[in-house]
C-alpha cells in the first residue's frame, strides 16, 4: 500500500541579467528565487526588487504560489527601483 504524500505547491522567481561586461559571475539565491548574471548595478537592482517583492507578499499575507500572474506583475513593477 502506498502512502500519499502531501505536496507543497512550488513557485519561484528567476532573474537573469545579460549586461555583464566585467567577467564576474554573480549568483544570488534564496528559498524561492535565483538571480544570475548582470552587471553589478543590474544584479543589485534585481536583488532589491525580489526582496521588496517578497516583503510585499508577506504584508499581504500571501505566498508566491498563491498570487495570480497579474497581481505578481503589479507587485514586481512597484518593487523595482527607479
PDB file of N, CA and C in Angstrom:
ATOM      1  N   UNK A   1       0.842  -1.156   0.000  1.00  0.00           N
ATOM      2  CA  UNK A   1       0.000   0.000   0.000  1.00  0.00           C
ATOM      3  C   UNK A   1       0.905   1.242   0.000  1.00  0.00           C
ATOM      4  N   UNK A   2       0.649   2.162  -0.914  1.00  0.00           N
ATOM      5  CA  UNK A   2       1.485   3.344  -0.982  1.00  0.00           C
ATOM      6  C   UNK A   2       0.874   4.477  -0.151  1.00  0.00           C
ATOM      7  N   UNK A   3       1.748   5.232   0.463  1.00  0.00           N
ATOM      8  CA  UNK A   3       1.308   6.375   1.251  1.00  0.00           C
ATOM      9  C   UNK A   3       1.237   7.594   0.343  1.00  0.00           C
ATOM     10  N   UNK A   4       0.184   8.368   0.528  1.00  0.00           N
ATOM     11  CA  UNK A   4       0.070   9.601  -0.241  1.00  0.00           C
ATOM     12  C   UNK A   4       0.854  10.681   0.476  1.00  0.00           C
ATOM     13  N   UNK A   5       1.684  11.346  -0.275  1.00  0.00           N
ATOM     14  CA  UNK A   5       2.457  12.454   0.269  1.00  0.00           C
ATOM     15  C   UNK A   5       1.704  13.752   0.050  1.00  0.00           C
ATOM     16  N   UNK A   6       1.801  14.608   1.025  1.00  0.00           N
ATOM     17  CA  UNK A   6       1.261  15.943   0.839  1.00  0.00           C
ATOM     18  C   UNK A   6       2.279  16.717   0.014  1.00  0.00           C
ATOM     19  N   UNK A   7       1.813  17.285  -1.075  1.00  0.00           N
ATOM     20  CA  UNK A   7       2.725  18.070  -1.891  1.00  0.00           C
ATOM     21  C   UNK A   7       2.492  19.545  -1.611  1.00  0.00           C
ATOM     22  N   UNK A   8       3.566  20.226  -1.390  1.00  0.00           N
ATOM     23  CA  UNK A   8       3.511  21.653  -1.175  1.00  0.00           C
ATOM     24  C   UNK A   8       3.615  22.337  -2.530  1.00  0.00           C
ATOM     25  N   UNK A   9       2.706  23.284  -2.816  1.00  0.00           N
ATOM     26  CA  UNK A   9       2.813  23.993  -4.087  1.00  0.00           C
ATOM     27  C   UNK A   9       4.171  24.673  -4.186  1.00  0.00           C
ATOM     28  N   UNK A  10       4.738  24.635  -5.372  1.00  0.00           N
ATOM     29  CA  UNK A  10       6.055  25.227  -5.566  1.00  0.00           C
ATOM     30  C   UNK A  10       5.971  26.356  -6.576  1.00  0.00           C
ATOM     31  N   UNK A  11       6.687  27.400  -6.295  1.00  0.00           N
ATOM     32  CA  UNK A  11       6.778  28.543  -7.191  1.00  0.00           C
ATOM     33  C   UNK A  11       8.117  29.205  -6.930  1.00  0.00           C
ATOM     34  N   UNK A  12       8.643  29.862  -7.925  1.00  0.00           N
ATOM     35  CA  UNK A  12       9.910  30.555  -7.762  1.00  0.00           C
ATOM     36  C   UNK A  12      10.058  31.650  -8.789  1.00  0.00           C
ATOM     37  N   UNK A  13      10.934  32.579  -8.496  1.00  0.00           N
ATOM     38  CA  UNK A  13      11.251  33.659  -9.416  1.00  0.00           C
ATOM     39  C   UNK A  13      12.685  33.468  -9.912  1.00  0.00           C
ATOM     40  N   UNK A  14      12.900  33.774 -11.173  1.00  0.00           N
ATOM     41  CA  UNK A  14      14.228  33.692 -11.773  1.00  0.00           C
ATOM     42  C   UNK A  14      14.537  35.020 -12.437  1.00  0.00           C
ATOM     43  N   UNK A  15      15.652  35.614 -12.058  1.00  0.00           N
ATOM     44  CA  UNK A  15      16.116  36.847 -12.685  1.00  0.00           C
ATOM     45  C   UNK A  15      17.406  36.572 -13.425  1.00  0.00           C
ATOM     46  N   UNK A  16      17.481  37.008 -14.677  1.00  0.00           N
ATOM     47  CA  UNK A  16      18.669  36.791 -15.493  1.00  0.00           C
ATOM     48  C   UNK A  16      19.130  38.136 -16.036  1.00  0.00           C
ATOM     49  N   UNK A  17      20.346  38.513 -15.712  1.00  0.00           N
ATOM     50  CA  UNK A  17      20.933  39.743 -16.228  1.00  0.00           C
ATOM     51  C   UNK A  17      21.880  39.421 -17.368  1.00  0.00           C
ATOM     52  N   UNK A  18      21.764  40.149 -18.457  1.00  0.00           N
ATOM     53  CA  UNK A  18      22.558  39.856 -19.649  1.00  0.00           C
ATOM     54  C   UNK A  18      23.554  40.958 -20.001  1.00  0.00           C
ATOM     55  N   UNK A  19      23.715  41.942 -19.126  1.00  0.00           N
ATOM     56  CA  UNK A  19      24.572  43.081 -19.470  1.00  0.00           C
ATOM     57  C   UNK A  19      25.945  43.050 -18.808  1.00  0.00           C
ATOM     58  N   UNK A  20      26.404  41.895 -18.385  1.00  0.00           N
ATOM     59  CA  UNK A  20      27.690  41.783 -17.709  1.00  0.00           C
ATOM     60  C   UNK A  20      28.835  41.937 -18.708  1.00  0.00           C
ATOM     61  N   UNK A  21      29.747  42.861 -18.418  1.00  0.00           N
ATOM     62  CA  UNK A  21      30.906  43.086 -19.278  1.00  0.00           C
ATOM     63  C   UNK A  21      32.224  42.892 -18.529  1.00  0.00           C
ATOM     64  N   UNK A  22      32.141  42.698 -17.197  1.00  0.00           N
ATOM     65  CA  UNK A  22      33.365  42.666 -16.399  1.00  0.00           C
ATOM     66  C   UNK A  22      33.872  41.261 -16.079  1.00  0.00           C
ATOM     67  N   UNK A  23      33.171  40.230 -16.525  1.00  0.00           N
ATOM     68  CA  UNK A  23      33.640  38.865 -16.313  1.00  0.00           C
ATOM     69  C   UNK A  23      33.279  38.239 -14.972  1.00  0.00           C
ATOM     70  N   UNK A  24      32.684  39.008 -14.059  1.00  0.00           N
ATOM     71  CA  UNK A  24      32.282  38.440 -12.768  1.00  0.00           C
ATOM     72  C   UNK A  24      31.061  37.550 -12.943  1.00  0.00           C
ATOM     73  N   UNK A  25      31.022  36.486 -12.178  1.00  0.00           N
ATOM     74  CA  UNK A  25      29.862  35.601 -12.177  1.00  0.00           C
ATOM     75  C   UNK A  25      29.066  35.896 -10.914  1.00  0.00           C
ATOM     76  N   UNK A  26      27.918  36.512 -11.092  1.00  0.00           N
ATOM     77  CA  UNK A  26      27.086  36.905  -9.955  1.00  0.00           C
ATOM     78  C   UNK A  26      25.901  35.951  -9.839  1.00  0.00           C
ATOM     79  N   UNK A  27      25.746  35.380  -8.659  1.00  0.00           N
ATOM     80  CA  UNK A  27      24.636  34.466  -8.384  1.00  0.00           C
ATOM     81  C   UNK A  27      24.119  34.758  -6.980  1.00  0.00           C
ATOM     82  N   UNK A  28      22.829  35.010  -6.890  1.00  0.00           N
ATOM     83  CA  UNK A  28      22.182  35.213  -5.598  1.00  0.00           C
ATOM     84  C   UNK A  28      20.968  34.300  -5.557  1.00  0.00           C
ATOM     85  N   UNK A  29      20.866  33.508  -4.499  1.00  0.00           N
ATOM     86  CA  UNK A  29      19.731  32.594  -4.401  1.00  0.00           C
ATOM     87  C   UNK A  29      19.059  32.738  -3.041  1.00  0.00           C
ATOM     88  N   UNK A  30      17.805  32.382  -3.034  1.00  0.00           N
ATOM     89  CA  UNK A  30      17.013  32.343  -1.817  1.00  0.00           C
ATOM     90  C   UNK A  30      16.092  31.141  -1.891  1.00  0.00           C
ATOM     91  N   UNK A  31      15.235  31.031  -0.923  1.00  0.00           N
ATOM     92  CA  UNK A  31      14.340  29.874  -0.858  1.00  0.00           C
ATOM     93  C   UNK A  31      13.459  29.761  -2.096  1.00  0.00           C
ATOM     94  N   UNK A  32      13.004  30.901  -2.619  1.00  0.00           N
ATOM     95  CA  UNK A  32      12.088  30.866  -3.759  1.00  0.00           C
ATOM     96  C   UNK A  32      12.556  31.729  -4.921  1.00  0.00           C
ATOM     97  N   UNK A  33      13.848  32.007  -5.006  1.00  0.00           N
ATOM     98  CA  UNK A  33      14.323  32.801  -6.133  1.00  0.00           C
ATOM     99  C   UNK A  33      15.783  32.508  -6.444  1.00  0.00           C
ATOM    100  N   UNK A  34      16.156  32.843  -7.666  1.00  0.00           N
ATOM    101  CA  UNK A  34      17.549  32.790  -8.097  1.00  0.00           C
ATOM    102  C   UNK A  34      17.777  33.965  -9.048  1.00  0.00           C
ATOM    103  N   UNK A  35      18.873  34.654  -8.846  1.00  0.00           N
ATOM    104  CA  UNK A  35      19.258  35.762  -9.709  1.00  0.00           C
ATOM    105  C   UNK A  35      20.660  35.452 -10.215  1.00  0.00           C
ATOM    106  N   UNK A  36      20.823  35.464 -11.520  1.00  0.00           N
ATOM    107  CA  UNK A  36      22.120  35.138 -12.110  1.00  0.00           C
ATOM    108  C   UNK A  36      22.511  36.201 -13.129  1.00  0.00           C
ATOM    109  N   UNK A  37      23.808  36.456 -13.164  1.00  0.00           N
ATOM    110  CA  UNK A  37      24.348  37.346 -14.183  1.00  0.00           C
ATOM    111  C   UNK A  37      24.080  38.808 -13.931  1.00  0.00           C
ATOM    112  N   UNK A  38      24.346  39.580 -14.970  1.00  0.00           N
ATOM    113  CA  UNK A  38      24.141  41.014 -14.928  1.00  0.00           C
ATOM    114  C   UNK A  38      25.348  41.759 -14.415  1.00  0.00           C
ATOM    115  N   UNK A  39      25.379  43.034 -14.727  1.00  0.00           N
ATOM    116  CA  UNK A  39      26.410  43.915 -14.192  1.00  0.00           C
ATOM    117  C   UNK A  39      26.168  44.060 -12.695  1.00  0.00           C
ATOM    118  N   UNK A  40      27.100  44.684 -12.005  1.00  0.00           N
ATOM    119  CA  UNK A  40      26.936  44.901 -10.569  1.00  0.00           C
ATOM    120  C   UNK A  40      25.652  45.682 -10.308  1.00  0.00           C
ATOM    121  N   UNK A  41      25.412  46.724 -11.093  1.00  0.00           N
ATOM    122  CA  UNK A  41      24.212  47.552 -10.911  1.00  0.00           C
ATOM    123  C   UNK A  41      22.935  46.760 -11.195  1.00  0.00           C
ATOM    124  N   UNK A  42      22.910  46.035 -12.300  1.00  0.00           N
ATOM    125  CA  UNK A  42      21.717  45.265 -12.670  1.00  0.00           C
ATOM    126  C   UNK A  42      21.426  44.181 -11.645  1.00  0.00           C
ATOM    127  N   UNK A  43      22.456  43.465 -11.228  1.00  0.00           N
ATOM    128  CA  UNK A  43      22.273  42.393 -10.256  1.00  0.00           C
ATOM    129  C   UNK A  43      21.733  42.961  -8.940  1.00  0.00           C
ATOM    130  N   UNK A  44      22.263  44.100  -8.541  1.00  0.00           N
ATOM    131  CA  UNK A  44      21.784  44.757  -7.323  1.00  0.00           C
ATOM    132  C   UNK A  44      20.328  45.174  -7.427  1.00  0.00           C
ATOM    133  N   UNK A  45      19.937  45.720  -8.584  1.00  0.00           N
ATOM    134  CA  UNK A  45      18.532  46.129  -8.790  1.00  0.00           C
ATOM    135  C   UNK A  45      17.605  44.918  -8.760  1.00  0.00           C
ATOM    136  N   UNK A  46      18.029  43.816  -9.392  1.00  0.00           N
ATOM    137  CA  UNK A  46      17.201  42.612  -9.385  1.00  0.00           C
ATOM    138  C   UNK A  46      17.056  42.070  -7.967  1.00  0.00           C
ATOM    139  N   UNK A  47      18.149  42.088  -7.215  1.00  0.00           N
ATOM    140  CA  UNK A  47      18.117  41.598  -5.836  1.00  0.00           C
ATOM    141  C   UNK A  47      17.179  42.454  -4.986  1.00  0.00           C
ATOM    142  N   UNK A  48      17.294  43.755  -5.116  1.00  0.00           N
ATOM    143  CA  UNK A  48      16.422  44.665  -4.363  1.00  0.00           C
ATOM    144  C   UNK A  48      14.955  44.444  -4.744  1.00  0.00           C
ATOM    145  N   UNK A  49      14.706  44.250  -6.027  1.00  0.00           N
ATOM    146  CA  UNK A  49      13.339  44.025  -6.498  1.00  0.00           C
ATOM    147  C   UNK A  49      12.745  42.758  -5.896  1.00  0.00           C
ATOM    148  N   UNK A  50      13.496  41.671  -5.899  1.00  0.00           N
ATOM    149  CA  UNK A  50      12.951  40.410  -5.385  1.00  0.00           C
ATOM    150  C   UNK A  50      12.744  40.481  -3.869  1.00  0.00           C
ATOM    151  N   UNK A  51      13.631  41.144  -3.161  1.00  0.00           N
ATOM    152  CA  UNK A  51      13.462  41.292  -1.713  1.00  0.00           C
ATOM    153  C   UNK A  51      12.199  42.096  -1.405  1.00  0.00           C
ATOM    154  N   UNK A  52      12.009  43.220  -2.107  1.00  0.00           N
ATOM    155  CA  UNK A  52      10.818  44.037  -1.887  1.00  0.00           C
ATOM    156  C   UNK A  52       9.552  43.296  -2.310  1.00  0.00           C
ATOM    157  N   UNK A  53       9.653  42.475  -3.343  1.00  0.00           N
ATOM    158  CA  UNK A  53       8.505  41.689  -3.794  1.00  0.00           C
ATOM    159  C   UNK A  53       8.056  40.728  -2.703  1.00  0.00           C
ATOM    160  N   UNK A  54       9.004  40.016  -2.109  1.00  0.00           N
ATOM    161  CA  UNK A  54       8.641  39.072  -1.052  1.00  0.00           C
ATOM    162  C   UNK A  54       8.173  39.786   0.216  1.00  0.00           C
ATOM    163  N   UNK A  55       8.702  40.975   0.486  1.00  0.00           N
ATOM    164  CA  UNK A  55       8.195  41.757   1.622  1.00  0.00           C
ATOM    165  C   UNK A  55       6.736  42.146   1.393  1.00  0.00           C
ATOM    166  N   UNK A  56       6.410  42.545   0.170  1.00  0.00           N
ATOM    167  CA  UNK A  56       5.035  42.919  -0.148  1.00  0.00           C
ATOM    168  C   UNK A  56       4.099  41.722  -0.057  1.00  0.00           C
ATOM    169  N   UNK A  57       4.546  40.578  -0.556  1.00  0.00           N
ATOM    170  CA  UNK A  57       3.732  39.371  -0.440  1.00  0.00           C
ATOM    171  C   UNK A  57       3.457  39.053   1.026  1.00  0.00           C
ATOM    172  N   UNK A  58       4.484  39.173   1.852  1.00  0.00           N
ATOM    173  CA  UNK A  58       4.326  38.904   3.279  1.00  0.00           C
ATOM    174  C   UNK A  58       3.320  39.868   3.905  1.00  0.00           C
ATOM    175  N   UNK A  59       3.417  41.149   3.520  1.00  0.00           N
ATOM    176  CA  UNK A  59       2.482  42.131   4.097  1.00  0.00           C
ATOM    177  C   UNK A  59       1.043  41.862   3.652  1.00  0.00           C
ATOM    178  N   UNK A  60       0.873  41.211   2.504  1.00  0.00           N
ATOM    179  CA  UNK A  60      -0.460  40.847   2.015  1.00  0.00           C
ATOM    180  C   UNK A  60      -0.912  39.494   2.569  1.00  0.00           C
ATOM    181  N   UNK A  61      -0.027  38.827   3.296  1.00  0.00           N
ATOM    182  CA  UNK A  61      -0.368  37.534   3.866  1.00  0.00           C
ATOM    183  C   UNK A  61      -0.457  36.425   2.829  1.00  0.00           C
ATOM    184  N   UNK A  62       0.355  36.544   1.767  1.00  0.00           N
ATOM    185  CA  UNK A  62       0.301  35.567   0.683  1.00  0.00           C
ATOM    186  C   UNK A  62       1.673  34.947   0.442  1.00  0.00           C
ATOM    187  N   UNK A  63       1.630  33.738  -0.092  1.00  0.00           N
ATOM    188  CA  UNK A  63       2.832  33.055  -0.562  1.00  0.00           C
ATOM    189  C   UNK A  63       2.903  33.247  -2.078  1.00  0.00           C
ATOM    190  N   UNK A  64       4.074  33.054  -2.638  1.00  0.00           N
ATOM    191  CA  UNK A  64       4.264  33.251  -4.075  1.00  0.00           C
ATOM    192  C   UNK A  64       3.298  32.396  -4.892  1.00  0.00           C
ATOM    193  N   UNK A  65       3.106  31.160  -4.498  1.00  0.00           N
ATOM    194  CA  UNK A  65       2.238  30.269  -5.276  1.00  0.00           C
ATOM    195  C   UNK A  65       0.759  30.651  -5.197  1.00  0.00           C
ATOM    196  N   UNK A  66       0.407  31.566  -4.305  1.00  0.00           N
ATOM    197  CA  UNK A  66      -0.987  31.973  -4.137  1.00  0.00           C
ATOM    198  C   UNK A  66      -1.355  33.211  -4.948  1.00  0.00           C
ATOM    199  N   UNK A  67      -0.392  33.807  -5.610  1.00  0.00           N
ATOM    200  CA  UNK A  67      -0.608  35.072  -6.303  1.00  0.00           C
ATOM    201  C   UNK A  67      -0.829  34.817  -7.798  1.00  0.00           C
ATOM    202  N   UNK A  68      -1.844  35.465  -8.332  1.00  0.00           N
ATOM    203  CA  UNK A  68      -2.105  35.385  -9.770  1.00  0.00           C
ATOM    204  C   UNK A  68      -1.019  36.159 -10.524  1.00  0.00           C
ATOM    205  N   UNK A  69      -0.714  35.739 -11.743  1.00  0.00           N
ATOM    206  CA  UNK A  69       0.348  36.405 -12.518  1.00  0.00           C
ATOM    207  C   UNK A  69       0.176  37.918 -12.641  1.00  0.00           C
ATOM    208  N   UNK A  70      -1.037  38.380 -12.838  1.00  0.00           N
ATOM    209  CA  UNK A  70      -1.265  39.824 -12.988  1.00  0.00           C
ATOM    210  C   UNK A  70      -0.930  40.568 -11.691  1.00  0.00           C
ATOM    211  N   UNK A  71      -1.341  39.995 -10.560  1.00  0.00           N
ATOM    212  CA  UNK A  71      -1.043  40.616  -9.268  1.00  0.00           C
ATOM    213  C   UNK A  71       0.459  40.612  -9.011  1.00  0.00           C
ATOM    214  N   UNK A  72       1.118  39.507  -9.342  1.00  0.00           N
ATOM    215  CA  UNK A  72       2.567  39.432  -9.157  1.00  0.00           C
ATOM    216  C   UNK A  72       3.274  40.464 -10.027  1.00  0.00           C
ATOM    217  N   UNK A  73       2.839  40.621 -11.260  1.00  0.00           N
ATOM    218  CA  UNK A  73       3.452  41.607 -12.157  1.00  0.00           C
ATOM    219  C   UNK A  73       3.330  43.012 -11.584  1.00  0.00           C
ATOM    220  N   UNK A  74       2.183  43.320 -11.003  1.00  0.00           N
ATOM    221  CA  UNK A  74       1.972  44.636 -10.397  1.00  0.00           C
ATOM    222  C   UNK A  74       2.889  44.827  -9.194  1.00  0.00           C
ATOM    223  N   UNK A  75       3.028  43.799  -8.376  1.00  0.00           N
ATOM    224  CA  UNK A  75       3.902  43.877  -7.196  1.00  0.00           C
ATOM    225  C   UNK A  75       5.348  44.073  -7.640  1.00  0.00           C
ATOM    226  N   UNK A  76       5.809  43.288  -8.598  1.00  0.00           N
ATOM    227  CA  UNK A  76       7.188  43.394  -9.083  1.00  0.00           C
ATOM    228  C   UNK A  76       7.433  44.772  -9.675  1.00  0.00           C
ATOM    229  N   UNK A  77       6.490  45.273 -10.447  1.00  0.00           N
ATOM    230  CA  UNK A  77       6.640  46.599 -11.060  1.00  0.00           C
ATOM    231  C   UNK A  77       6.819  47.670  -9.989  1.00  0.00           C
ATOM    232  N   UNK A  78       5.986  47.601  -8.942  1.00  0.00           N
ATOM    233  CA  UNK A  78       6.098  48.599  -7.866  1.00  0.00           C
ATOM    234  C   UNK A  78       7.360  48.412  -7.036  1.00  0.00           C
ATOM    235  N   UNK A  79       7.874  47.184  -6.967  1.00  0.00           N
ATOM    236  CA  UNK A  79       9.064  46.901  -6.154  1.00  0.00           C
ATOM    237  C   UNK A  79      10.368  47.240  -6.874  1.00  0.00           C
ATOM    238  N   UNK A  80      10.299  47.462  -8.183  1.00  0.00           N
ATOM    239  CA  UNK A  80      11.509  47.735  -8.962  1.00  0.00           C
ATOM    240  C   UNK A  80      11.993  49.141  -8.688  1.00  0.00           C
ATOM    241  N   UNK A  81      13.269  49.281  -8.275  1.00  0.00           N
ATOM    242  CA  UNK A  81      13.803  50.630  -8.009  1.00  0.00           C
ATOM    243  C   UNK A  81      13.904  51.443  -9.298  1.00  0.00           C
ATOM    244  N   UNK A  82      13.743  52.743  -9.156  1.00  0.00           N
ATOM    245  CA  UNK A  82      13.835  53.638 -10.324  1.00  0.00           C
ATOM    246  C   UNK A  82      15.247  53.813 -10.787  1.00  0.00           C
TER     247      UNK A  82
END
